[in-house]
């Protein structure tokens, strides 16, 4: 089942609010070896926001790479 998101790129907080996934699941996904395929940081500073490409995230979730 594909989740409909309000925007194609969401911040971490917006993504958690809209998707309903647990924070631990998203933390594991954002720190996996291929996370650069569906997320990026707004800058190189330590407190930079994670931005998530919702379509790419759903693709990796559907093919079973994110567990």
N, C-alpha and C. Protein backbone atom coordinates (compact mmCIF):
# COMPACT_ATOMS: atom_id res chain seq x y z
N UNK A 1 0.85 -1.18 0.00
CA UNK A 1 0.00 0.00 0.00
C UNK A 1 0.89 1.25 0.00
N UNK A 2 0.64 2.13 -0.93
CA UNK A 2 1.44 3.35 -1.05
C UNK A 2 0.81 4.46 -0.23
N UNK A 3 1.62 5.12 0.57
CA UNK A 3 1.14 6.23 1.40
C UNK A 3 1.17 7.51 0.57
N UNK A 4 0.14 8.32 0.67
CA UNK A 4 0.09 9.62 -0.01
C UNK A 4 0.65 10.68 0.94
N UNK A 5 1.64 11.42 0.46
CA UNK A 5 2.25 12.48 1.25
C UNK A 5 1.85 13.83 0.70
N UNK A 6 1.89 14.85 1.54
CA UNK A 6 1.47 16.19 1.13
C UNK A 6 2.48 16.85 0.19
N UNK A 7 3.77 16.49 0.32
CA UNK A 7 4.82 17.08 -0.51
C UNK A 7 5.79 15.98 -0.93
N UNK A 8 6.52 16.18 -2.02
CA UNK A 8 7.48 15.15 -2.44
C UNK A 8 8.72 15.07 -1.54
N UNK A 9 9.10 16.18 -0.91
CA UNK A 9 10.24 16.21 0.01
C UNK A 9 9.73 16.69 1.36
N UNK A 10 9.98 15.90 2.41
CA UNK A 10 9.51 16.23 3.75
C UNK A 10 10.69 16.24 4.72
N UNK A 11 10.58 17.09 5.75
CA UNK A 11 11.57 17.04 6.82
C UNK A 11 11.30 15.79 7.66
N UNK A 12 12.24 15.45 8.50
CA UNK A 12 12.10 14.26 9.34
C UNK A 12 10.84 14.31 10.20
N UNK A 13 10.58 15.44 10.82
CA UNK A 13 9.41 15.60 11.69
C UNK A 13 8.11 15.49 10.89
N UNK A 14 8.05 16.16 9.75
CA UNK A 14 6.85 16.08 8.91
C UNK A 14 6.63 14.64 8.44
N UNK A 15 7.71 13.98 8.08
CA UNK A 15 7.59 12.60 7.60
C UNK A 15 7.04 11.69 8.69
N UNK A 16 7.55 11.82 9.91
CA UNK A 16 7.05 10.99 11.01
C UNK A 16 5.57 11.27 11.28
N UNK A 17 5.18 12.54 11.23
CA UNK A 17 3.80 12.91 11.48
C UNK A 17 2.86 12.33 10.41
N UNK A 18 3.26 12.41 9.14
CA UNK A 18 2.39 11.97 8.05
C UNK A 18 2.40 10.46 7.85
N UNK A 19 3.54 9.82 8.06
CA UNK A 19 3.63 8.39 7.76
C UNK A 19 3.16 7.51 8.91
N UNK A 20 3.39 7.94 10.14
CA UNK A 20 3.02 7.11 11.27
C UNK A 20 4.05 6.06 11.62
N UNK A 21 5.21 6.05 10.92
CA UNK A 21 6.26 5.09 11.25
C UNK A 21 6.87 5.46 12.60
N UNK A 22 7.35 4.47 13.35
CA UNK A 22 8.04 4.77 14.62
C UNK A 22 9.35 5.49 14.36
N UNK A 23 9.76 6.34 15.27
CA UNK A 23 11.00 7.10 15.12
C UNK A 23 12.21 6.16 14.99
N UNK A 24 12.21 5.03 15.69
CA UNK A 24 13.33 4.10 15.63
C UNK A 24 13.49 3.52 14.22
N UNK A 25 12.38 3.23 13.57
CA UNK A 25 12.41 2.71 12.20
C UNK A 25 13.05 3.73 11.26
N UNK A 26 12.63 4.99 11.39
CA UNK A 26 13.18 6.04 10.53
C UNK A 26 14.65 6.28 10.84
N UNK A 27 15.04 6.23 12.11
CA UNK A 27 16.45 6.40 12.47
C UNK A 27 17.32 5.33 11.83
N UNK A 28 16.86 4.07 11.86
CA UNK A 28 17.60 2.98 11.22
C UNK A 28 17.71 3.22 9.71
N UNK A 29 16.61 3.66 9.11
CA UNK A 29 16.60 3.90 7.66
C UNK A 29 17.53 5.04 7.28
N UNK A 30 17.56 6.11 8.05
CA UNK A 30 18.39 7.27 7.72
C UNK A 30 19.87 7.02 7.93
N UNK A 31 20.22 5.96 8.64
CA UNK A 31 21.63 5.67 8.89
C UNK A 31 22.09 4.38 8.21
N UNK A 32 21.29 3.85 7.29
CA UNK A 32 21.73 2.66 6.55
C UNK A 32 22.69 3.09 5.44
N UNK A 33 23.38 2.14 4.83
CA UNK A 33 24.44 2.47 3.88
C UNK A 33 23.94 3.09 2.59
N UNK A 34 22.69 2.92 2.22
CA UNK A 34 22.18 3.50 0.98
C UNK A 34 21.20 4.65 1.24
N UNK A 35 21.22 5.23 2.42
CA UNK A 35 20.29 6.31 2.77
C UNK A 35 20.44 7.53 1.88
N UNK A 36 21.62 7.73 1.30
CA UNK A 36 21.79 8.89 0.42
C UNK A 36 20.95 8.79 -0.84
N UNK A 37 20.33 7.65 -1.08
CA UNK A 37 19.43 7.49 -2.22
C UNK A 37 18.06 8.15 -1.98
N UNK A 38 17.67 8.34 -0.71
CA UNK A 38 16.35 8.91 -0.42
C UNK A 38 16.36 10.03 0.61
N UNK A 39 17.51 10.40 1.14
CA UNK A 39 17.54 11.51 2.10
C UNK A 39 18.80 12.32 1.96
N UNK A 40 18.74 13.56 2.42
CA UNK A 40 19.91 14.42 2.42
C UNK A 40 19.79 15.38 3.59
N UNK A 41 20.89 16.01 3.94
CA UNK A 41 20.89 16.99 5.02
C UNK A 41 20.94 18.38 4.42
N UNK A 42 20.33 19.35 5.11
CA UNK A 42 20.25 20.70 4.58
C UNK A 42 21.59 21.42 4.57
N UNK A 43 22.53 21.00 5.40
CA UNK A 43 23.89 21.55 5.38
C UNK A 43 24.83 20.53 6.02
N UNK A 44 26.09 20.88 6.09
CA UNK A 44 27.06 19.96 6.68
C UNK A 44 27.21 20.14 8.19
N UNK A 45 26.47 21.06 8.76
CA UNK A 45 26.56 21.30 10.21
C UNK A 45 25.91 20.15 10.97
N UNK A 46 26.34 19.90 12.21
CA UNK A 46 25.80 18.78 12.99
C UNK A 46 24.29 18.85 13.26
N UNK A 47 23.74 20.03 13.37
CA UNK A 47 22.31 20.18 13.67
C UNK A 47 21.45 20.35 12.42
N UNK A 48 21.97 20.02 11.25
CA UNK A 48 21.24 20.17 9.99
C UNK A 48 20.04 19.23 9.95
N UNK A 49 18.99 19.67 9.27
CA UNK A 49 17.77 18.86 9.16
C UNK A 49 17.93 17.77 8.11
N UNK A 50 17.32 16.62 8.39
CA UNK A 50 17.21 15.57 7.39
C UNK A 50 16.00 15.88 6.53
N UNK A 51 16.16 15.79 5.21
CA UNK A 51 15.06 15.94 4.28
C UNK A 51 14.90 14.60 3.56
N UNK A 52 13.66 14.14 3.41
CA UNK A 52 13.41 12.80 2.88
C UNK A 52 12.61 12.90 1.59
N UNK A 53 13.11 12.26 0.55
CA UNK A 53 12.39 12.14 -0.72
C UNK A 53 11.39 11.00 -0.52
N UNK A 54 10.12 11.34 -0.43
CA UNK A 54 9.10 10.36 -0.06
C UNK A 54 8.94 9.25 -1.10
N UNK A 55 9.03 9.59 -2.38
CA UNK A 55 8.86 8.59 -3.43
C UNK A 55 10.00 7.57 -3.40
N UNK A 56 11.23 8.04 -3.25
CA UNK A 56 12.38 7.14 -3.18
C UNK A 56 12.33 6.29 -1.90
N UNK A 57 11.93 6.90 -0.78
CA UNK A 57 11.81 6.15 0.47
C UNK A 57 10.81 5.01 0.31
N UNK A 58 9.65 5.30 -0.27
CA UNK A 58 8.63 4.27 -0.47
C UNK A 58 9.11 3.18 -1.42
N UNK A 59 9.91 3.55 -2.41
CA UNK A 59 10.46 2.55 -3.33
C UNK A 59 11.33 1.56 -2.56
N UNK A 60 12.26 2.05 -1.75
CA UNK A 60 13.14 1.17 -0.98
C UNK A 60 12.36 0.37 0.06
N UNK A 61 11.33 0.94 0.63
CA UNK A 61 10.50 0.22 1.59
C UNK A 61 9.75 -0.92 0.88
N UNK A 62 9.21 -0.63 -0.30
CA UNK A 62 8.44 -1.64 -1.04
C UNK A 62 9.29 -2.82 -1.50
N UNK A 63 10.53 -2.55 -1.93
CA UNK A 63 11.35 -3.66 -2.42
C UNK A 63 12.01 -4.44 -1.28
N UNK A 64 11.78 -4.00 -0.05
CA UNK A 64 12.23 -4.76 1.11
C UNK A 64 13.60 -4.43 1.62
N UNK A 65 14.20 -3.35 1.15
CA UNK A 65 15.52 -2.97 1.63
C UNK A 65 15.47 -2.36 3.03
N UNK A 66 14.37 -1.71 3.36
CA UNK A 66 14.22 -1.10 4.69
C UNK A 66 13.43 -2.05 5.57
N UNK A 67 14.04 -2.51 6.63
CA UNK A 67 13.36 -3.46 7.52
C UNK A 67 13.31 -2.92 8.92
